[in-house]
Amino acid sequence: MMIEKGVFLVPTLVAGYLISEHGTEAGIPENSVKKAKQIVDLGFENFKKAYNAGVKIAMGTDAGTCFNFHGNNAKEIELMVNSGMSPIDALQTATIKGAELLALGEKIGSIEVGKLGDILIVAGNPLENIKTLQDSELLSFIIKDGELIKG
């Protein structure tokens, strides 16, 4: 039905994953962390089913939940790849697919003349190792709205 209606899935795999991995460190009771792990496992299974079925997917993170800090959104992309999504598809959830979901595809989401110029240049190939996006030392250049922020 999601495919038929053109509905996007925004899985936010990272929020539950981080709670299931580190929740006791935040004081979350062990039985709650165990339950979170079960829910996370089900979420990963459902993500795989949706992806394999062809459901449109955009990236979200629920940043601000336990251990899920703003600026660490590339972990979500890694989890998508670890769940069977191709690296290029995972990158597109955060770019062109996100723009499409927000109905902003005319302004953002891809590198084209007339679009806002946000570009991240990485020392390494995220298609070969998706974790390169999480290493701030490998972020060679960051361009936001056409202005050099780093590099």
N, C-alpha and C. Protein backbone atom coordinates (compact mmCIF):
# COMPACT_ATOMS: atom_id res chain seq x y z
N MET A 1 0.82 -1.19 0.00
CA MET A 1 0.00 0.00 0.00
C MET A 1 0.88 1.27 0.00
N MET A 2 2.03 1.22 0.70
CA MET A 2 2.93 2.39 0.72
C MET A 2 3.42 2.70 -0.68
N ILE A 3 3.76 1.68 -1.44
CA ILE A 3 4.22 1.89 -2.81
C ILE A 3 3.09 2.45 -3.65
N GLU A 4 1.94 1.86 -3.53
CA GLU A 4 0.75 2.28 -4.30
C GLU A 4 0.42 3.74 -4.06
N LYS A 5 0.54 4.19 -2.80
CA LYS A 5 0.17 5.57 -2.43
C LYS A 5 1.36 6.53 -2.48
N GLY A 6 2.56 6.02 -2.76
CA GLY A 6 3.75 6.88 -2.82
C GLY A 6 4.21 7.38 -1.47
N VAL A 7 3.93 6.61 -0.43
CA VAL A 7 4.27 7.00 0.94
C VAL A 7 5.73 6.64 1.23
N PHE A 8 6.42 7.54 1.91
CA PHE A 8 7.80 7.31 2.31
C PHE A 8 7.86 6.62 3.67
N LEU A 9 8.87 5.80 3.85
CA LEU A 9 9.23 5.27 5.16
C LEU A 9 10.44 6.07 5.65
N VAL A 10 10.35 6.58 6.87
CA VAL A 10 11.48 7.24 7.52
C VAL A 10 11.76 6.40 8.77
N PRO A 11 12.67 5.43 8.64
CA PRO A 11 12.79 4.41 9.67
C PRO A 11 13.41 4.82 11.01
N THR A 12 14.27 5.81 11.04
CA THR A 12 14.98 6.23 12.25
C THR A 12 15.49 5.02 13.04
N LEU A 13 16.25 4.19 12.38
CA LEU A 13 16.80 2.98 13.00
C LEU A 13 17.75 3.31 14.15
N VAL A 14 18.45 4.41 14.04
CA VAL A 14 19.51 4.73 14.99
C VAL A 14 18.99 5.01 16.40
N ALA A 15 17.84 5.62 16.54
CA ALA A 15 17.33 5.99 17.86
C ALA A 15 17.17 4.77 18.75
N GLY A 16 16.44 3.80 18.30
CA GLY A 16 16.25 2.58 19.08
C GLY A 16 17.52 1.77 19.23
N TYR A 17 18.32 1.76 18.16
CA TYR A 17 19.57 1.00 18.19
C TYR A 17 20.48 1.50 19.31
N LEU A 18 20.65 2.80 19.40
CA LEU A 18 21.54 3.35 20.42
C LEU A 18 21.00 3.10 21.83
N ILE A 19 19.70 3.15 22.01
CA ILE A 19 19.11 2.83 23.32
C ILE A 19 19.36 1.36 23.65
N SER A 20 19.18 0.48 22.66
CA SER A 20 19.38 -0.95 22.93
C SER A 20 20.85 -1.27 23.20
N GLU A 21 21.77 -0.49 22.61
CA GLU A 21 23.19 -0.74 22.81
C GLU A 21 23.76 -0.08 24.07
N HIS A 22 23.23 1.08 24.46
CA HIS A 22 23.84 1.86 25.54
C HIS A 22 22.85 2.32 26.61
N GLY A 23 21.63 1.84 26.55
CA GLY A 23 20.58 2.35 27.43
C GLY A 23 20.86 2.22 28.91
N THR A 24 21.47 1.11 29.32
CA THR A 24 21.74 0.95 30.75
C THR A 24 22.71 2.02 31.25
N GLU A 25 23.60 2.49 30.37
CA GLU A 25 24.55 3.56 30.75
C GLU A 25 23.81 4.86 31.07
N ALA A 26 22.62 5.03 30.49
CA ALA A 26 21.82 6.23 30.72
C ALA A 26 20.84 6.04 31.88
N GLY A 27 20.92 4.86 32.51
CA GLY A 27 20.03 4.60 33.63
C GLY A 27 18.71 3.97 33.23
N ILE A 28 18.58 3.57 32.00
CA ILE A 28 17.36 2.89 31.57
C ILE A 28 17.40 1.47 32.13
N PRO A 29 16.33 1.02 32.77
CA PRO A 29 16.32 -0.33 33.36
C PRO A 29 16.63 -1.41 32.33
N GLU A 30 17.36 -2.43 32.77
CA GLU A 30 17.81 -3.49 31.88
C GLU A 30 16.66 -4.17 31.14
N ASN A 31 15.52 -4.38 31.82
CA ASN A 31 14.38 -5.03 31.15
C ASN A 31 13.82 -4.15 30.03
N SER A 32 13.88 -2.83 30.21
CA SER A 32 13.42 -1.91 29.16
C SER A 32 14.38 -1.92 27.98
N VAL A 33 15.67 -2.01 28.26
CA VAL A 33 16.67 -2.08 27.19
C VAL A 33 16.50 -3.37 26.40
N LYS A 34 16.22 -4.46 27.11
CA LYS A 34 15.99 -5.76 26.45
C LYS A 34 14.77 -5.68 25.53
N LYS A 35 13.71 -5.05 26.01
CA LYS A 35 12.50 -4.88 25.19
C LYS A 35 12.80 -4.00 23.98
N ALA A 36 13.60 -2.94 24.19
CA ALA A 36 13.98 -2.05 23.08
C ALA A 36 14.73 -2.83 22.02
N LYS A 37 15.61 -3.74 22.45
CA LYS A 37 16.39 -4.55 21.51
C LYS A 37 15.46 -5.39 20.64
N GLN A 38 14.43 -5.97 21.23
CA GLN A 38 13.47 -6.76 20.46
C GLN A 38 12.75 -5.89 19.43
N ILE A 39 12.37 -4.71 19.85
CA ILE A 39 11.68 -3.79 18.94
C ILE A 39 12.62 -3.34 17.82
N VAL A 40 13.88 -3.09 18.19
CA VAL A 40 14.88 -2.68 17.20
C VAL A 40 15.07 -3.77 16.16
N ASP A 41 15.20 -5.02 16.62
CA ASP A 41 15.37 -6.13 15.69
C ASP A 41 14.19 -6.22 14.73
N LEU A 42 12.99 -6.04 15.23
CA LEU A 42 11.80 -6.04 14.38
C LEU A 42 11.83 -4.87 13.40
N GLY A 43 12.29 -3.71 13.86
CA GLY A 43 12.41 -2.55 13.00
C GLY A 43 13.38 -2.78 11.85
N PHE A 44 14.51 -3.43 12.14
CA PHE A 44 15.48 -3.75 11.08
C PHE A 44 14.86 -4.73 10.07
N GLU A 45 14.14 -5.73 10.57
CA GLU A 45 13.49 -6.69 9.67
C GLU A 45 12.47 -5.98 8.77
N ASN A 46 11.66 -5.12 9.36
CA ASN A 46 10.65 -4.40 8.57
C ASN A 46 11.28 -3.44 7.58
N PHE A 47 12.40 -2.81 7.98
CA PHE A 47 13.13 -1.94 7.07
C PHE A 47 13.58 -2.74 5.84
N LYS A 48 14.18 -3.91 6.08
CA LYS A 48 14.65 -4.76 4.97
C LYS A 48 13.50 -5.13 4.04
N LYS A 49 12.37 -5.50 4.62
CA LYS A 49 11.20 -5.87 3.80
C LYS A 49 10.74 -4.69 2.95
N ALA A 50 10.66 -3.52 3.56
CA ALA A 50 10.20 -2.33 2.83
C ALA A 50 11.17 -1.99 1.71
N TYR A 51 12.47 -2.01 2.01
CA TYR A 51 13.48 -1.69 1.01
C TYR A 51 13.41 -2.69 -0.15
N ASN A 52 13.39 -3.97 0.18
CA ASN A 52 13.35 -5.00 -0.86
C ASN A 52 12.07 -4.95 -1.69
N ALA A 53 11.00 -4.44 -1.10
CA ALA A 53 9.73 -4.31 -1.82
C ALA A 53 9.69 -3.07 -2.71
N GLY A 54 10.61 -2.12 -2.48
CA GLY A 54 10.64 -0.92 -3.31
C GLY A 54 9.97 0.29 -2.70
N VAL A 55 9.71 0.27 -1.39
CA VAL A 55 9.12 1.43 -0.72
C VAL A 55 10.14 2.57 -0.75
N LYS A 56 9.67 3.80 -0.98
CA LYS A 56 10.56 4.96 -0.95
C LYS A 56 10.98 5.22 0.49
N ILE A 57 12.28 5.46 0.68
CA ILE A 57 12.82 5.64 2.02
C ILE A 57 13.62 6.94 2.07
N ALA A 58 13.38 7.72 3.14
CA ALA A 58 14.15 8.93 3.41
C ALA A 58 14.76 8.80 4.80
N MET A 59 15.88 9.47 5.01
CA MET A 59 16.58 9.36 6.27
C MET A 59 16.00 10.28 7.33
N GLY A 60 15.90 9.75 8.53
CA GLY A 60 15.55 10.51 9.72
C GLY A 60 16.35 9.94 10.87
N THR A 61 16.50 10.68 11.94
CA THR A 61 17.34 10.17 13.03
C THR A 61 16.71 10.27 14.41
N ASP A 62 15.72 11.09 14.60
CA ASP A 62 15.20 11.39 15.94
C ASP A 62 16.33 11.88 16.84
N ALA A 63 17.23 12.69 16.28
CA ALA A 63 18.35 13.22 17.05
C ALA A 63 17.83 13.89 18.32
N GLY A 64 18.54 13.64 19.40
CA GLY A 64 18.15 14.18 20.70
C GLY A 64 17.70 13.09 21.65
N THR A 65 17.42 11.88 21.11
CA THR A 65 17.13 10.76 22.00
C THR A 65 18.46 10.28 22.61
N CYS A 66 18.38 9.41 23.60
CA CYS A 66 19.59 8.94 24.31
C CYS A 66 20.70 8.53 23.36
N PHE A 67 21.88 9.11 23.54
CA PHE A 67 23.09 8.78 22.79
C PHE A 67 23.01 9.14 21.30
N ASN A 68 21.95 9.80 20.91
CA ASN A 68 21.70 10.11 19.50
C ASN A 68 21.87 11.62 19.31
N PHE A 69 23.12 12.03 19.19
CA PHE A 69 23.45 13.45 19.20
C PHE A 69 23.34 14.08 17.81
N HIS A 70 22.96 15.33 17.78
CA HIS A 70 22.90 16.08 16.54
C HIS A 70 24.29 16.08 15.90
N GLY A 71 24.32 15.91 14.59
CA GLY A 71 25.58 15.88 13.88
C GLY A 71 26.12 14.47 13.65
N ASN A 72 25.51 13.48 14.26
CA ASN A 72 25.95 12.10 14.10
C ASN A 72 25.00 11.30 13.21
N ASN A 73 24.31 11.98 12.32
CA ASN A 73 23.27 11.33 11.51
C ASN A 73 23.82 10.30 10.52
N ALA A 74 25.11 10.29 10.26
CA ALA A 74 25.66 9.30 9.34
C ALA A 74 25.58 7.89 9.90
N LYS A 75 25.38 7.75 11.20
CA LYS A 75 25.19 6.42 11.80
C LYS A 75 23.92 5.78 11.23
N GLU A 76 22.91 6.58 10.99
CA GLU A 76 21.66 6.06 10.39
C GLU A 76 21.94 5.47 9.02
N ILE A 77 22.77 6.14 8.24
CA ILE A 77 23.12 5.65 6.91
C ILE A 77 23.86 4.31 7.03
N GLU A 78 24.78 4.23 7.99
CA GLU A 78 25.50 2.97 8.22
C GLU A 78 24.54 1.84 8.56
N LEU A 79 23.59 2.10 9.45
CA LEU A 79 22.64 1.06 9.85
C LEU A 79 21.79 0.61 8.67
N MET A 80 21.43 1.53 7.79
CA MET A 80 20.68 1.15 6.59
C MET A 80 21.51 0.21 5.72
N VAL A 81 22.78 0.54 5.53
CA VAL A 81 23.67 -0.32 4.72
C VAL A 81 23.84 -1.67 5.40
N ASN A 82 24.03 -1.67 6.71
CA ASN A 82 24.19 -2.92 7.45
C ASN A 82 22.92 -3.78 7.38
N SER A 83 21.81 -3.15 7.06
CA SER A 83 20.54 -3.88 6.96
C SER A 83 20.22 -4.29 5.53
N GLY A 84 21.17 -4.12 4.63
CA GLY A 84 20.98 -4.63 3.28
C GLY A 84 20.75 -3.59 2.20
N MET A 85 20.67 -2.31 2.56
CA MET A 85 20.50 -1.27 1.55
C MET A 85 21.84 -1.01 0.88
N SER A 86 21.83 -0.75 -0.41
CA SER A 86 23.08 -0.44 -1.09
C SER A 86 23.59 0.91 -0.59
N PRO A 87 24.91 1.11 -0.57
CA PRO A 87 25.45 2.39 -0.11
C PRO A 87 24.92 3.59 -0.90
N ILE A 88 24.77 3.45 -2.20
CA ILE A 88 24.27 4.59 -2.98
C ILE A 88 22.82 4.91 -2.62
N ASP A 89 22.01 3.88 -2.42
CA ASP A 89 20.62 4.11 -2.01
C ASP A 89 20.57 4.76 -0.63
N ALA A 90 21.44 4.30 0.28
CA ALA A 90 21.47 4.88 1.63
C ALA A 90 21.86 6.35 1.59
N LEU A 91 22.86 6.69 0.77
CA LEU A 91 23.25 8.10 0.63
C LEU A 91 22.09 8.93 0.06
N GLN A 92 21.37 8.36 -0.86
CA GLN A 92 20.26 9.09 -1.46
C GLN A 92 19.09 9.29 -0.51
N THR A 93 18.97 8.46 0.55
CA THR A 93 17.91 8.70 1.53
C THR A 93 18.11 10.04 2.22
N ALA A 94 19.39 10.46 2.32
CA ALA A 94 19.72 11.71 3.00
C ALA A 94 19.82 12.89 2.06
N THR A 95 19.71 12.64 0.78
CA THR A 95 19.88 13.72 -0.20
C THR A 95 18.62 13.83 -1.06
N ILE A 96 18.65 13.21 -2.20
CA ILE A 96 17.57 13.37 -3.18
C ILE A 96 16.22 12.85 -2.67
N LYS A 97 16.23 11.75 -1.93
CA LYS A 97 14.96 11.20 -1.41
C LYS A 97 14.41 12.08 -0.29
N GLY A 98 15.30 12.60 0.55
CA GLY A 98 14.85 13.52 1.59
C GLY A 98 14.23 14.77 1.00
N ALA A 99 14.86 15.29 -0.05
CA ALA A 99 14.32 16.47 -0.74
C ALA A 99 12.97 16.17 -1.35
N GLU A 100 12.84 14.99 -1.95
CA GLU A 100 11.57 14.60 -2.55
C GLU A 100 10.48 14.49 -1.49
N LEU A 101 10.80 13.87 -0.36
CA LEU A 101 9.82 13.74 0.73
C LEU A 101 9.33 15.11 1.19
N LEU A 102 10.24 16.06 1.28
CA LEU A 102 9.89 17.40 1.76
C LEU A 102 9.33 18.31 0.67
N ALA A 103 9.16 17.76 -0.53
CA ALA A 103 8.68 18.52 -1.68
C ALA A 103 9.60 19.71 -1.98
N LEU A 104 10.91 19.48 -1.80
CA LEU A 104 11.91 20.52 -2.05
C LEU A 104 12.90 20.09 -3.13
N GLY A 105 12.54 19.09 -3.91
CA GLY A 105 13.44 18.57 -4.93
C GLY A 105 13.85 19.58 -5.98
N GLU A 106 13.09 20.65 -6.14
CA GLU A 106 13.46 21.70 -7.10
C GLU A 106 14.58 22.58 -6.56
N LYS A 107 14.80 22.56 -5.22
CA LYS A 107 15.76 23.46 -4.60
C LYS A 107 16.98 22.75 -4.00
N ILE A 108 16.79 21.52 -3.53
CA ILE A 108 17.86 20.82 -2.82
C ILE A 108 17.87 19.34 -3.21
N GLY A 109 18.87 18.62 -2.71
CA GLY A 109 18.89 17.17 -2.83
C GLY A 109 19.84 16.61 -3.87
N SER A 110 20.25 17.43 -4.80
CA SER A 110 21.20 16.99 -5.83
C SER A 110 22.02 18.20 -6.28
N ILE A 111 23.13 17.90 -6.92
CA ILE A 111 24.01 18.98 -7.39
C ILE A 111 23.61 19.33 -8.81
N GLU A 112 22.92 20.46 -8.95
CA GLU A 112 22.45 20.93 -10.25
C GLU A 112 22.45 22.45 -10.27
N VAL A 113 22.58 23.01 -11.43
CA VAL A 113 22.54 24.47 -11.59
C VAL A 113 21.20 24.98 -11.05
N GLY A 114 21.28 26.03 -10.23
CA GLY A 114 20.08 26.65 -9.69
C GLY A 114 19.65 26.11 -8.34
N LYS A 115 20.24 25.02 -7.89
CA LYS A 115 19.89 24.47 -6.59
C LYS A 115 20.86 25.01 -5.53
N LEU A 116 20.40 24.99 -4.28
CA LEU A 116 21.26 25.41 -3.18
C LEU A 116 22.48 24.50 -3.15
N GLY A 117 23.65 25.09 -2.94
CA GLY A 117 24.89 24.35 -3.04
C GLY A 117 25.42 23.83 -1.73
N ASP A 118 24.86 22.73 -1.24
CA ASP A 118 25.39 22.06 -0.06
C ASP A 118 26.15 20.82 -0.52
N ILE A 119 27.46 20.80 -0.25
CA ILE A 119 28.29 19.71 -0.73
C ILE A 119 29.22 19.28 0.39
N LEU A 120 29.35 17.98 0.55
CA LEU A 120 30.27 17.39 1.51
C LEU A 120 31.28 16.58 0.71
N ILE A 121 32.56 16.92 0.86
CA ILE A 121 33.61 16.19 0.15
C ILE A 121 34.38 15.38 1.19
N VAL A 122 34.44 14.07 0.95
CA VAL A 122 35.02 13.14 1.91
C VAL A 122 36.31 12.55 1.35
N ALA A 123 37.33 12.46 2.19
CA ALA A 123 38.58 11.78 1.82
C ALA A 123 38.33 10.28 2.01
N GLY A 124 37.96 9.63 0.97
CA GLY A 124 37.59 8.22 1.02
C GLY A 124 36.35 8.01 0.19
N ASN A 125 35.99 6.78 0.02
CA ASN A 125 34.84 6.46 -0.81
C ASN A 125 33.75 5.81 0.04
N PRO A 126 32.69 6.56 0.36
CA PRO A 126 31.64 5.98 1.19
C PRO A 126 30.90 4.81 0.51
N LEU A 127 31.03 4.70 -0.80
CA LEU A 127 30.42 3.55 -1.47
C LEU A 127 31.19 2.26 -1.16
N GLU A 128 32.46 2.41 -0.79
CA GLU A 128 33.27 1.26 -0.39
C GLU A 128 33.27 1.05 1.11
N ASN A 129 33.21 2.15 1.87
CA ASN A 129 33.17 2.09 3.33
C ASN A 129 32.28 3.21 3.84
N ILE A 130 31.05 2.88 4.13
CA ILE A 130 30.06 3.88 4.51
C ILE A 130 30.44 4.61 5.80
N LYS A 131 31.29 4.01 6.62
CA LYS A 131 31.70 4.64 7.88
C LYS A 131 32.60 5.86 7.67
N THR A 132 33.11 6.06 6.46
CA THR A 132 33.94 7.25 6.22
C THR A 132 33.17 8.53 6.51
N LEU A 133 31.86 8.48 6.40
CA LEU A 133 31.03 9.66 6.65
C LEU A 133 30.99 10.04 8.13
N GLN A 134 31.38 9.11 9.00
CA GLN A 134 31.33 9.35 10.45
C GLN A 134 32.64 9.84 11.03
N ASP A 135 33.68 9.88 10.23
CA ASP A 135 34.99 10.31 10.70
C ASP A 135 35.21 11.77 10.31
N SER A 136 35.11 12.67 11.27
CA SER A 136 35.22 14.11 10.97
C SER A 136 36.57 14.47 10.35
N GLU A 137 37.60 13.68 10.59
CA GLU A 137 38.91 13.94 10.00
C GLU A 137 38.90 13.68 8.49
N LEU A 138 37.95 12.86 8.03
CA LEU A 138 37.86 12.55 6.60
C LEU A 138 36.95 13.52 5.85
N LEU A 139 36.28 14.41 6.58
CA LEU A 139 35.42 15.41 5.93
C LEU A 139 36.32 16.55 5.47
N SER A 140 36.75 16.47 4.22
CA SER A 140 37.73 17.42 3.69
C SER A 140 37.16 18.81 3.46
N PHE A 141 35.99 18.88 2.86
CA PHE A 141 35.35 20.15 2.54
C PHE A 141 33.87 20.07 2.85
N ILE A 142 33.35 21.14 3.40
CA ILE A 142 31.91 21.27 3.60
C ILE A 142 31.51 22.61 3.01
N ILE A 143 30.59 22.56 2.07
CA ILE A 143 30.08 23.78 1.43
C ILE A 143 28.59 23.85 1.75
N LYS A 144 28.16 24.97 2.32
CA LYS A 144 26.77 25.18 2.71
C LYS A 144 26.26 26.44 2.03
N ASP A 145 25.18 26.30 1.28
CA ASP A 145 24.63 27.43 0.53
C ASP A 145 25.69 28.12 -0.34
N GLY A 146 26.60 27.32 -0.88
CA GLY A 146 27.62 27.84 -1.77
C GLY A 146 28.83 28.45 -1.07
N GLU A 147 28.84 28.45 0.29
CA GLU A 147 29.95 29.02 1.03
C GLU A 147 30.77 27.91 1.68
N LEU A 148 32.09 28.05 1.62
CA LEU A 148 32.99 27.09 2.21
C LEU A 148 32.93 27.19 3.74
N ILE A 149 32.55 26.11 4.39
CA ILE A 149 32.46 26.07 5.86
C ILE A 149 33.71 25.41 6.44
N LYS A 150 34.21 24.38 5.75
CA LYS A 150 35.41 23.67 6.19
C LYS A 150 36.22 23.30 4.97
N GLY A 151 37.54 23.42 5.07
CA GLY A 151 38.40 22.98 3.97
C GLY A 151 39.32 24.07 3.48
